[in-house]
């Protein structure tokens, strides 16, 4: 009669631990990647909402108030068109900026004839305003390079490892709007 021993050998236990460890490392990697993608996706949705809000704000402003209006555009004054929508400067996202480019459209042909940087002497009947939103997205390198006692510091508050992202929208306004 042969005697059977119950249990596992040391080699079997070590192989099982190695297999489980590799599986857990894979799960952790997927979790970190998913968190980064989720954060970037959230930033993109917020940026799209801010850009749409800026478009609607400019569409709702009286036509003549679009030219040299310092309450709508940073760096605007009576003679300058301004370059950035004032309300959205660092509004929700890191380094958020909505830039406004005033493009002159010829009312007869629709062709672009230049870009406004100063308030035109004669206000055109139709203009195109191109809005471009840029912001910085926290990269996975920044998220993993946290040090100190709190490893969950919000990287959107700052950091050197950020990648710029942008979206663009266009508005065409006429005096009849």
Protein backbone atom coordinates (compact mmCIF):
# COMPACT_ATOMS: atom_id res chain seq x y z
CA UNK A 1 0.00 0.00 0.00
CA UNK A 2 1.32 3.43 -0.97
CA UNK A 3 0.90 6.37 1.24
CA UNK A 4 -0.34 9.66 -0.24
CA UNK A 5 0.75 12.98 1.15
CA UNK A 6 -1.80 15.76 1.35
CA UNK A 7 -0.95 19.37 0.49
CA UNK A 8 1.22 21.24 -1.99
CA UNK A 9 4.96 21.26 -2.43
CA UNK A 10 6.97 24.44 -1.98
CA UNK A 11 7.60 24.70 -5.73
CA UNK A 12 3.89 24.48 -6.53
CA UNK A 13 3.13 27.26 -4.03
CA UNK A 14 5.87 29.50 -5.47
CA UNK A 15 4.63 28.98 -9.04
CA UNK A 16 1.07 29.82 -7.95
CA UNK A 17 2.25 33.00 -6.20
CA UNK A 18 4.24 34.06 -9.30
CA UNK A 19 1.22 33.53 -11.58
CA UNK A 20 -1.05 35.48 -9.22
CA UNK A 21 1.50 38.29 -8.92
CA UNK A 22 1.74 38.70 -12.70
CA UNK A 23 -2.05 38.78 -12.93
CA UNK A 24 -2.36 41.40 -10.19
CA UNK A 25 0.30 43.61 -11.80
CA UNK A 26 -1.68 43.46 -15.04
CA UNK A 27 -4.87 44.49 -13.22
CA UNK A 28 -3.09 47.40 -11.53
CA UNK A 29 -1.72 48.58 -14.88
CA UNK A 30 -5.19 48.46 -16.45
CA UNK A 31 -6.62 50.37 -13.49
CA UNK A 32 -4.04 53.16 -13.75
CA UNK A 33 -4.54 53.44 -17.53
CA UNK A 34 -8.30 53.53 -17.09
CA UNK A 35 -8.01 56.29 -14.50
CA UNK A 36 -5.85 58.39 -16.82
CA UNK A 37 -8.24 57.87 -19.74
CA UNK A 38 -11.20 58.73 -17.54
CA UNK A 39 -9.55 61.95 -16.35
CA UNK A 40 -8.63 62.96 -19.92
CA UNK A 41 -12.15 62.17 -21.11
CA UNK A 42 -13.64 64.28 -18.32
CA UNK A 43 -11.34 67.18 -19.23
CA UNK A 44 -12.38 66.92 -22.88
CA UNK A 45 -16.08 67.00 -21.98
CA UNK A 46 -15.55 70.00 -19.70
CA UNK A 47 -13.59 71.78 -22.43
CA UNK A 48 -16.32 71.10 -25.00
CA UNK A 49 -18.96 72.46 -22.62
CA UNK A 50 -16.89 75.59 -21.91
CA UNK A 51 -16.33 76.13 -25.64
CA UNK A 52 -20.05 75.74 -26.36
CA UNK A 53 -20.86 78.16 -23.52
CA UNK A 54 -18.43 80.72 -24.95
CA UNK A 55 -19.99 80.32 -28.41
CA UNK A 56 -23.47 80.91 -26.99
CA UNK A 57 -22.27 83.88 -24.92
CA UNK A 58 -20.79 85.53 -28.00
CA UNK A 59 -23.86 84.69 -30.09
CA UNK A 60 -26.02 86.34 -27.44
CA UNK A 61 -23.95 89.52 -27.19
CA UNK A 62 -25.11 92.52 -29.24
CA UNK A 63 -23.24 92.64 -32.54
CA UNK A 64 -21.64 96.03 -31.98
CA UNK A 65 -20.42 95.02 -28.50
CA UNK A 66 -18.13 92.36 -30.03
CA UNK A 67 -15.63 94.97 -31.18
CA UNK A 68 -13.06 96.12 -28.60
CA UNK A 69 -15.14 94.95 -25.60
CA UNK A 70 -12.90 94.46 -22.54
CA UNK A 71 -15.67 92.74 -20.57
CA UNK A 72 -15.83 89.98 -23.22
CA UNK A 73 -12.20 89.76 -24.35
CA UNK A 74 -8.92 90.10 -22.47
CA UNK A 75 -6.53 92.75 -23.84
CA UNK A 76 -9.42 94.49 -25.60
CA UNK A 77 -9.92 98.21 -25.38
CA UNK A 78 -11.54 100.81 -27.56
CA UNK A 79 -9.13 100.10 -30.42
CA UNK A 80 -7.91 96.51 -29.85
CA UNK A 81 -10.03 93.42 -30.57
CA UNK A 82 -8.66 91.30 -27.73
CA UNK A 83 -7.35 87.77 -28.01
CA UNK A 84 -8.98 85.68 -25.28
CA UNK A 85 -12.51 85.25 -23.93
CA UNK A 86 -12.19 86.81 -20.48
CA UNK A 87 -14.68 84.67 -18.56
CA UNK A 88 -12.95 81.38 -19.44
CA UNK A 89 -9.35 82.22 -18.48
CA UNK A 90 -8.32 79.23 -16.26
CA UNK A 91 -12.02 78.65 -15.65
CA UNK A 92 -12.34 74.88 -15.11
CA UNK A 93 -9.15 73.30 -16.43
CA UNK A 94 -5.42 73.72 -15.97
CA UNK A 95 -4.14 76.50 -18.27
CA UNK A 96 -7.58 76.82 -19.90
CA UNK A 97 -7.71 79.54 -22.53
CA UNK A 98 -10.31 80.29 -25.19
CA UNK A 99 -8.67 82.35 -27.91
CA UNK A 100 -10.80 84.47 -30.22
CA UNK A 101 -9.76 85.25 -33.78
CA UNK A 102 -11.89 87.77 -35.65
CA UNK A 103 -11.86 86.91 -39.34
CA UNK A 104 -13.29 89.39 -41.80
CA UNK A 105 -15.63 87.87 -44.34
CA UNK A 106 -16.48 89.74 -47.50
CA UNK A 107 -20.30 89.95 -47.43
CA UNK A 108 -20.52 89.60 -51.23
CA UNK A 109 -18.19 86.66 -51.82
CA UNK A 110 -17.82 85.15 -48.35
CA UNK A 111 -14.05 85.09 -48.86
CA UNK A 112 -11.77 85.80 -45.94
CA UNK A 113 -10.00 89.11 -46.41
CA UNK A 114 -7.94 89.26 -43.22
CA UNK A 115 -7.99 88.99 -39.46
CA UNK A 116 -9.07 91.79 -37.17
CA UNK A 117 -6.58 92.79 -34.53
CA UNK A 118 -7.86 96.32 -34.16
CA UNK A 119 -11.42 97.56 -34.24
CA UNK A 120 -12.32 98.26 -37.89
CA UNK A 121 -13.26 101.83 -38.79
CA UNK A 122 -16.37 100.53 -40.54
CA UNK A 123 -18.02 97.59 -38.79
CA UNK A 124 -18.53 94.83 -41.38
CA UNK A 125 -21.97 93.39 -42.04
CA UNK A 126 -20.72 89.85 -41.37
CA UNK A 127 -17.81 88.44 -39.37
CA UNK A 128 -16.45 85.05 -38.52
CA UNK A 129 -15.15 84.49 -35.01
CA UNK A 130 -13.01 81.44 -34.54
CA UNK A 131 -12.76 80.23 -30.94
CA UNK A 132 -10.03 77.80 -29.96
CA UNK A 133 -9.85 76.30 -26.49
CA UNK A 134 -6.55 75.01 -25.17
CA UNK A 135 -5.78 73.43 -21.82
CA UNK A 136 -3.20 71.17 -20.28
CA UNK A 137 -3.98 67.55 -19.56
CA UNK A 138 -2.18 65.80 -16.74
CA UNK A 139 -0.15 62.99 -18.25
CA UNK A 140 0.28 59.56 -16.74
CA UNK A 141 3.92 60.45 -16.08
CA UNK A 142 2.81 63.37 -13.91
CA UNK A 143 0.27 61.23 -12.11
CA UNK A 144 2.83 58.55 -11.32
CA UNK A 145 5.62 60.96 -10.30
CA UNK A 146 3.87 62.17 -7.15
CA UNK A 147 6.00 62.00 -4.08
CA UNK A 148 5.52 62.66 -0.41
CA UNK A 149 2.83 61.47 1.89
CA UNK A 150 -0.15 62.03 -0.40
CA UNK A 151 0.14 60.05 -3.65
CA UNK A 152 -3.27 61.29 -4.83
CA UNK A 153 -2.42 64.94 -5.47
CA UNK A 154 -4.61 66.40 -8.20
CA UNK A 155 -2.24 66.92 -11.11
CA UNK A 156 -4.59 69.42 -12.73
CA UNK A 157 -3.41 71.98 -10.20
CA UNK A 158 -0.02 72.13 -11.86
CA UNK A 159 3.05 70.23 -12.87
CA UNK A 160 5.62 70.07 -15.60
CA UNK A 161 4.43 66.92 -17.36
CA UNK A 162 1.38 68.29 -19.13
CA UNK A 163 0.32 67.91 -22.75
CA UNK A 164 -1.68 70.66 -24.46
CA UNK A 165 -5.05 69.77 -25.93
CA UNK A 166 -7.37 71.87 -28.05
CA UNK A 167 -10.75 72.06 -29.72
CA UNK A 168 -12.06 74.67 -32.17
CA UNK A 169 -15.46 76.16 -32.91
CA UNK A 170 -16.52 78.82 -35.37
CA UNK A 171 -19.24 81.45 -35.22
CA UNK A 172 -20.46 83.52 -38.14
CA UNK A 173 -22.37 86.60 -37.05
CA UNK A 174 -24.21 89.18 -39.08
CA UNK A 175 -25.69 92.44 -37.92
CA UNK A 176 -29.13 90.91 -38.46
CA UNK A 177 -28.53 88.21 -35.83
